[in-house]
């Protein structure tokens, strides 16, 4: 569980290390903060084929820090870029569609993201579209 209270995002992106709990996922995450009710992580996305997924127990805020990509939330897909903020209600199909380059993202989950559980269902693993 992350214990720092202050993080400079540019430094964190430079030293990005994948949390072992997400090493096999299409989106690799480095968790920055964990509280009783919230978790925050960074991830850098490059050349991802299929990162569409759902989180049945978590709402999520996604802040695009750098780069540009498509992003799906439910039935809607929009082009997003650095500075865009996205809200994803729990149990909603979503994910980035990276077509070129690098995209850096800050994600904030509520409630706390217990990495000992399977929190994410990936489309590559065959979840049914809702």
Protein backbone atom coordinates (compact mmCIF):
# COMPACT_ATOMS: atom_id res chain seq x y z
CA UNK A 1 0.00 0.00 0.00
CA UNK A 2 1.42 3.41 -1.01
CA UNK A 3 2.24 5.66 1.95
CA UNK A 4 3.54 8.92 0.44
CA UNK A 5 1.37 11.97 0.91
CA UNK A 6 3.03 14.15 -1.74
CA UNK A 7 3.93 13.09 -5.28
CA UNK A 8 5.27 15.14 -8.17
CA UNK A 9 3.58 13.54 -11.19
CA UNK A 10 6.40 14.19 -13.68
CA UNK A 11 8.88 12.47 -11.33
CA UNK A 12 6.49 9.57 -10.78
CA UNK A 13 6.02 9.13 -14.55
CA UNK A 14 9.80 9.04 -15.08
CA UNK A 15 10.24 6.36 -12.42
CA UNK A 16 7.09 4.42 -13.26
CA UNK A 17 7.21 0.86 -11.94
CA UNK A 18 4.37 -1.59 -12.46
CA UNK A 19 2.54 -2.86 -9.39
CA UNK A 20 2.94 -6.67 -9.41
CA UNK A 21 -0.85 -7.07 -9.02
CA UNK A 22 -1.33 -5.50 -12.47
CA UNK A 23 1.69 -6.97 -14.30
CA UNK A 24 -0.46 -9.31 -16.44
CA UNK A 25 -3.13 -6.69 -17.24
CA UNK A 26 -3.27 -4.74 -20.52
CA UNK A 27 -2.94 -1.56 -18.43
CA UNK A 28 0.06 -1.57 -16.08
CA UNK A 29 -0.45 0.57 -12.98
CA UNK A 30 1.74 2.17 -10.35
CA UNK A 31 -0.30 2.94 -7.25
CA UNK A 32 0.48 6.29 -5.64
CA UNK A 33 -1.99 6.51 -2.77
CA UNK A 34 -4.31 4.22 -0.87
CA UNK A 35 -6.78 5.45 1.72
CA UNK A 36 -9.71 3.84 3.42
CA UNK A 37 -12.06 5.00 0.66
CA UNK A 38 -9.89 5.90 -2.34
CA UNK A 39 -6.85 4.78 -4.37
CA UNK A 40 -4.86 6.67 -7.01
CA UNK A 41 -2.56 5.28 -9.66
CA UNK A 42 -0.54 6.29 -12.70
CA UNK A 43 -0.26 4.41 -15.91
CA UNK A 44 1.41 4.93 -19.25
CA UNK A 45 -0.33 3.45 -22.26
CA UNK A 46 1.46 2.58 -25.50
CA UNK A 47 0.41 0.29 -28.33
CA UNK A 48 -2.44 -1.35 -26.41
CA UNK A 49 -4.55 -3.65 -28.53
CA UNK A 50 -7.52 -4.17 -26.21
CA UNK A 51 -7.85 -2.36 -22.89
CA UNK A 52 -11.66 -2.25 -22.72
CA UNK A 53 -12.84 -3.36 -19.29
CA UNK A 54 -15.29 -2.87 -16.42
CA UNK A 55 -14.86 -2.43 -12.68
CA UNK A 56 -18.00 -3.76 -10.99
CA UNK A 57 -17.17 -2.23 -7.59
CA UNK A 58 -15.36 1.04 -8.38
CA UNK A 59 -16.18 4.49 -9.68
CA UNK A 60 -13.19 6.03 -11.43
CA UNK A 61 -11.93 9.48 -12.36
CA UNK A 62 -9.35 9.56 -15.18
CA UNK A 63 -7.19 12.61 -15.84
CA UNK A 64 -5.22 12.55 -19.10
CA UNK A 65 -1.75 13.88 -18.24
CA UNK A 66 -0.03 13.64 -21.61
CA UNK A 67 -0.78 12.43 -25.10
CA UNK A 68 -4.02 11.88 -26.97
CA UNK A 69 -6.24 8.86 -27.65
CA UNK A 70 -9.79 7.67 -28.08
CA UNK A 71 -11.61 6.80 -24.87
CA UNK A 72 -14.78 4.78 -24.53
CA UNK A 73 -17.26 5.18 -21.66
CA UNK A 74 -20.39 3.08 -22.09
CA UNK A 75 -21.61 3.50 -25.67
CA UNK A 76 -19.78 6.80 -26.23
CA UNK A 77 -16.24 7.19 -27.57
CA UNK A 78 -14.48 10.56 -27.66
CA UNK A 79 -11.04 11.83 -28.50
CA UNK A 80 -9.28 12.95 -25.28
CA UNK A 81 -6.01 14.77 -24.64
CA UNK A 82 -3.91 16.16 -21.81
CA UNK A 83 -6.12 18.10 -19.39
CA UNK A 84 -9.31 16.11 -20.04
CA UNK A 85 -11.08 14.59 -17.03
CA UNK A 86 -13.35 11.55 -17.43
CA UNK A 87 -15.85 10.12 -14.93
CA UNK A 88 -16.59 6.39 -15.16
CA UNK A 89 -19.41 5.03 -12.98
CA UNK A 90 -18.89 1.55 -11.53
CA UNK A 91 -19.94 -1.34 -13.75
CA UNK A 92 -19.57 0.72 -16.96
CA UNK A 93 -17.64 -0.62 -19.95
CA UNK A 94 -14.74 1.72 -20.67
CA UNK A 95 -11.13 2.05 -21.71
CA UNK A 96 -8.55 3.87 -23.79
CA UNK A 97 -8.10 3.31 -27.50
CA UNK A 98 -4.45 4.16 -28.11
CA UNK A 99 -3.81 4.46 -31.82
CA UNK A 100 -0.32 5.98 -31.69
CA UNK A 101 2.20 7.42 -29.30
CA UNK A 102 2.20 7.44 -25.53
CA UNK A 103 -0.64 8.42 -23.21
CA UNK A 104 -0.10 9.03 -19.48
CA UNK A 105 -3.10 8.81 -17.16
CA UNK A 106 -3.88 9.44 -13.49
CA UNK A 107 -6.76 7.25 -12.23
CA UNK A 108 -8.58 7.70 -8.94
CA UNK A 109 -10.75 4.82 -7.71
CA UNK A 110 -13.44 4.82 -5.04
CA UNK A 111 -13.75 2.82 -2.94
CA UNK A 112 -10.20 1.70 -2.16
CA UNK A 113 -8.72 -0.61 -4.81
CA UNK A 114 -7.89 -3.82 -2.96
CA UNK A 115 -5.22 -5.38 -5.20
CA UNK A 116 -5.69 -8.81 -3.62
CA UNK A 117 -9.08 -9.07 -5.40
CA UNK A 118 -9.98 -9.27 -9.07
CA UNK A 119 -11.31 -5.73 -9.50
CA UNK A 120 -11.22 -5.53 -13.28
CA UNK A 121 -12.91 -7.69 -15.91
CA UNK A 122 -11.17 -7.37 -19.30
CA UNK A 123 -12.92 -7.76 -22.64
CA UNK A 124 -10.03 -9.99 -23.79
CA UNK A 125 -11.16 -12.46 -21.11
CA UNK A 126 -14.65 -12.58 -22.61
CA UNK A 127 -16.94 -10.54 -20.39
CA UNK A 128 -20.34 -10.04 -22.00
CA UNK A 129 -21.24 -6.59 -23.33
CA UNK A 130 -24.04 -5.10 -21.24
